[in-house]
Amino acid sequence: MVDTDRAQLAQPSWHAQPIQEVASRLGVDPMPFVLAVLFGANMSFATPFGYQTNLLILSAGGYKFSDFVKVGIPLAIVMWTGFSIVLPLLYEI
């Protein structure tokens, strides 16, 4: 690997720059912010349209849209609450 390649890998991608900027202005570690965005973007439990495998399960399993809502919204609330409690404890925010 060339040294310039290592330098490019060390630079944050354009996706992480706003998060890193906010964290640096607050004087805290950017990792909890990154994890919050990561988990928030992946919590697509409430509808079958949130992810492609949900659509596969919807058609193959004979589920209805309301089945996803009944299970997905409480699960999203539990995950949101859990991450809201755990991330500050882990990163001492």
Protein backbone atom coordinates (compact mmCIF):
# COMPACT_ATOMS: atom_id res chain seq x y z
CA MET A 1 0.00 0.00 0.00
CA VAL A 2 1.33 3.43 -0.90
CA ASP A 3 1.58 6.12 1.78
CA THR A 4 -0.94 8.29 -0.07
CA ASP A 5 -3.45 5.43 0.13
CA ARG A 6 -3.02 5.33 3.91
CA ALA A 7 -3.52 9.07 4.11
CA GLN A 8 -6.74 8.79 2.13
CA LEU A 9 -8.00 6.01 4.40
CA ALA A 10 -7.27 8.13 7.47
CA GLN A 11 -9.46 10.97 6.18
CA PRO A 12 -13.14 10.77 7.11
CA SER A 13 -15.50 10.22 4.25
CA TRP A 14 -17.86 13.00 3.25
CA HIS A 15 -20.63 11.09 5.03
CA ALA A 16 -18.93 11.39 8.41
CA GLN A 17 -17.71 14.98 8.10
CA PRO A 18 -20.88 16.68 9.43
CA ILE A 19 -20.97 14.28 12.37
CA GLN A 20 -17.30 14.83 13.09
CA GLU A 21 -17.73 18.59 12.86
CA VAL A 22 -20.61 18.62 15.36
CA ALA A 23 -18.72 16.34 17.74
CA SER A 24 -15.56 18.45 17.55
CA ARG A 25 -17.55 21.64 18.23
CA LEU A 26 -19.07 19.95 21.27
CA GLY A 27 -15.68 18.58 22.31
CA VAL A 28 -16.84 14.95 22.48
CA ASP A 29 -16.04 11.66 20.77
CA PRO A 30 -17.83 11.37 17.39
CA MET A 31 -18.41 7.60 17.76
CA PRO A 32 -21.73 7.81 19.69
CA PHE A 33 -23.09 10.12 17.00
CA VAL A 34 -21.98 7.72 14.27
CA LEU A 35 -23.58 4.80 16.12
CA ALA A 36 -26.82 6.74 16.63
CA VAL A 37 -27.05 7.45 12.89
CA LEU A 38 -26.13 3.86 12.07
CA PHE A 39 -28.76 2.34 14.34
CA GLY A 40 -31.38 4.90 13.38
CA ALA A 41 -30.89 4.21 9.70
CA ASN A 42 -31.21 0.46 10.24
CA MET A 43 -34.36 0.44 12.38
CA SER A 44 -36.81 -0.24 9.58
CA PHE A 45 -39.05 -2.65 11.45
CA ALA A 46 -42.33 -0.75 11.31
CA THR A 47 -43.17 -1.30 7.65
CA PRO A 48 -42.46 -4.00 5.09
CA PHE A 49 -41.13 -1.33 2.75
CA GLY A 50 -38.21 -0.47 5.02
CA TYR A 51 -35.96 -3.20 3.64
CA GLN A 52 -36.05 -5.69 0.79
CA THR A 53 -36.09 -8.80 2.97
CA ASN A 54 -39.16 -7.44 4.76
CA LEU A 55 -40.93 -7.41 1.39
CA LEU A 56 -39.89 -11.00 0.75
CA ILE A 57 -41.29 -12.07 4.12
CA LEU A 58 -44.48 -10.08 3.48
CA SER A 59 -45.28 -11.96 0.29
CA ALA A 60 -43.92 -15.41 1.15
CA GLY A 61 -45.27 -15.51 4.70
CA GLY A 62 -48.70 -14.16 3.89
CA TYR A 63 -48.32 -11.29 6.33
CA LYS A 64 -50.26 -8.03 6.15
CA PHE A 65 -48.98 -4.49 6.47
CA SER A 66 -50.65 -4.23 9.87
CA ASP A 67 -48.64 -7.23 11.12
CA PHE A 68 -45.43 -5.28 10.57
CA VAL A 69 -46.87 -2.21 12.28
CA LYS A 70 -48.05 -4.21 15.31
CA VAL A 71 -44.62 -5.71 15.89
CA GLY A 72 -42.37 -3.09 14.31
CA ILE A 73 -43.44 0.04 16.17
CA PRO A 74 -43.02 -1.45 19.67
CA LEU A 75 -39.69 -2.98 18.60
CA ALA A 76 -38.49 0.37 17.23
CA ILE A 77 -39.51 2.07 20.50
CA VAL A 78 -37.65 -0.54 22.57
CA MET A 79 -34.52 -0.21 20.41
CA TRP A 80 -34.69 3.60 20.46
CA THR A 81 -35.06 3.66 24.24
CA GLY A 82 -32.29 1.11 24.70
CA PHE A 83 -29.82 2.95 22.50
CA SER A 84 -30.75 6.28 24.10
CA ILE A 85 -29.81 4.83 27.48
CA VAL A 86 -26.82 2.69 26.52
CA LEU A 87 -24.90 5.08 24.24
CA PRO A 88 -24.55 7.86 26.85
CA LEU A 89 -23.49 5.29 29.45
CA LEU A 90 -20.84 3.77 27.17
CA TYR A 91 -19.42 7.07 25.99
CA GLU A 92 -20.02 9.17 29.13
CA ILE A 93 -21.97 11.89 27.35
